[in-house]
């Protein structure tokens, strides 16, 4: 690892810090600031009945972003979002 802090370089919760279109740029900024090889950004937008998760991942070889909708209970939405994003990251790193 580049920072001698194990495989996890940094993590932050930034409420309202970025919109959908800024996720990839925010991932690049976090990556540069921390020296991480991979940056993962999540944005969870809540609605009256439907919620949306926007994810951006940036690695040395690729930039990806995608979105998923969620119709479950609002209190469970953050857990669902983190679980889905980390599973995606795990699959990408294993490939």
Protein backbone atom coordinates (compact mmCIF):
# COMPACT_ATOMS: atom_id res chain seq x y z
CA UNK A 1 0.00 0.00 0.00
CA UNK A 2 1.18 3.45 -0.91
CA UNK A 3 0.44 5.15 2.41
CA UNK A 4 1.74 2.55 4.87
CA UNK A 5 -1.69 2.51 6.51
CA UNK A 6 -2.83 -0.87 5.25
CA UNK A 7 -5.21 -1.27 2.36
CA UNK A 8 -7.72 1.33 3.56
CA UNK A 9 -6.38 4.82 2.88
CA UNK A 10 -9.24 7.06 4.01
CA UNK A 11 -12.98 7.33 4.33
CA UNK A 12 -15.31 10.25 4.73
CA UNK A 13 -19.00 10.97 4.97
CA UNK A 14 -19.78 14.20 3.11
CA UNK A 15 -23.52 14.91 3.23
CA UNK A 16 -24.60 16.83 0.15
CA UNK A 17 -21.01 17.30 -1.00
CA UNK A 18 -21.50 16.22 -4.59
CA UNK A 19 -24.22 15.72 -7.13
CA UNK A 20 -24.46 12.88 -9.62
CA UNK A 21 -22.33 14.63 -12.21
CA UNK A 22 -19.54 15.37 -9.73
CA UNK A 23 -19.03 11.82 -8.43
CA UNK A 24 -16.20 10.86 -10.79
CA UNK A 25 -14.45 14.20 -10.17
CA UNK A 26 -14.89 13.75 -6.40
CA UNK A 27 -13.39 10.25 -6.66
CA UNK A 28 -10.38 11.65 -8.55
CA UNK A 29 -9.90 14.39 -5.95
CA UNK A 30 -10.12 11.91 -3.05
CA UNK A 31 -7.72 9.58 -4.81
CA UNK A 32 -5.17 12.31 -5.36
CA UNK A 33 -5.51 13.68 -1.82
CA UNK A 34 -5.11 10.30 -0.11
CA UNK A 35 -2.80 8.54 -2.55
CA UNK A 36 -5.27 5.65 -2.83
CA UNK A 37 -5.12 3.37 -5.85
CA UNK A 38 -8.91 3.06 -5.94
CA UNK A 39 -11.55 5.60 -4.94
CA UNK A 40 -15.21 4.76 -4.43
CA UNK A 41 -17.84 7.50 -4.18
CA UNK A 42 -21.51 6.96 -3.27
CA UNK A 43 -24.45 9.29 -3.48
CA UNK A 44 -27.82 8.19 -2.10
CA UNK A 45 -30.76 10.35 -3.16
CA UNK A 46 -33.97 9.73 -1.28
CA UNK A 47 -37.45 10.22 -2.68
CA UNK A 48 -41.00 9.78 -1.45
CA UNK A 49 -41.28 6.16 -2.63
CA UNK A 50 -38.13 5.44 -4.64
CA UNK A 51 -34.50 6.04 -3.75
CA UNK A 52 -31.50 6.11 -6.08
CA UNK A 53 -27.89 5.14 -5.51
CA UNK A 54 -25.18 6.64 -7.71
CA UNK A 55 -21.71 5.09 -7.56
CA UNK A 56 -18.41 6.15 -9.09
CA UNK A 57 -15.24 4.10 -8.90
CA UNK A 58 -11.86 5.27 -10.11
CA UNK A 59 -8.80 3.06 -10.41
CA UNK A 60 -5.49 3.51 -12.24
CA UNK A 61 -6.90 1.74 -15.28
CA UNK A 62 -10.55 2.77 -15.36
CA UNK A 63 -13.33 5.15 -14.35
CA UNK A 64 -16.82 3.76 -13.95
CA UNK A 65 -20.12 5.12 -12.74
CA UNK A 66 -23.56 3.60 -12.47
CA UNK A 67 -26.87 3.91 -10.69
CA UNK A 68 -29.44 1.63 -9.09
CA UNK A 69 -32.92 2.29 -7.74
CA UNK A 70 -34.17 1.13 -4.35
CA UNK A 71 -37.79 0.87 -3.28
CA UNK A 72 -37.26 -0.47 0.23
CA UNK A 73 -37.59 1.21 3.60
CA UNK A 74 -35.65 4.47 3.91
CA UNK A 75 -33.83 3.49 7.15
CA UNK A 76 -32.33 0.51 5.30
CA UNK A 77 -31.23 2.51 2.24
CA UNK A 78 -27.75 3.54 3.51
CA UNK A 79 -26.92 -0.04 4.48
CA UNK A 80 -28.12 -1.31 1.11
CA UNK A 81 -26.09 1.35 -0.71
CA UNK A 82 -22.85 0.57 1.10
CA UNK A 83 -23.33 -3.19 0.76
CA UNK A 84 -24.03 -2.94 -2.97
CA UNK A 85 -21.08 -0.64 -3.63
CA UNK A 86 -18.61 -2.71 -1.62
CA UNK A 87 -19.78 -5.89 -3.35
CA UNK A 88 -19.23 -4.20 -6.70
CA UNK A 89 -15.75 -3.08 -5.63
CA UNK A 90 -14.90 -6.58 -4.43
CA UNK A 91 -15.97 -8.08 -7.76
CA UNK A 92 -13.97 -5.53 -9.74
CA UNK A 93 -10.81 -6.06 -7.73
CA UNK A 94 -11.14 -9.85 -7.98
CA UNK A 95 -11.49 -9.78 -11.76
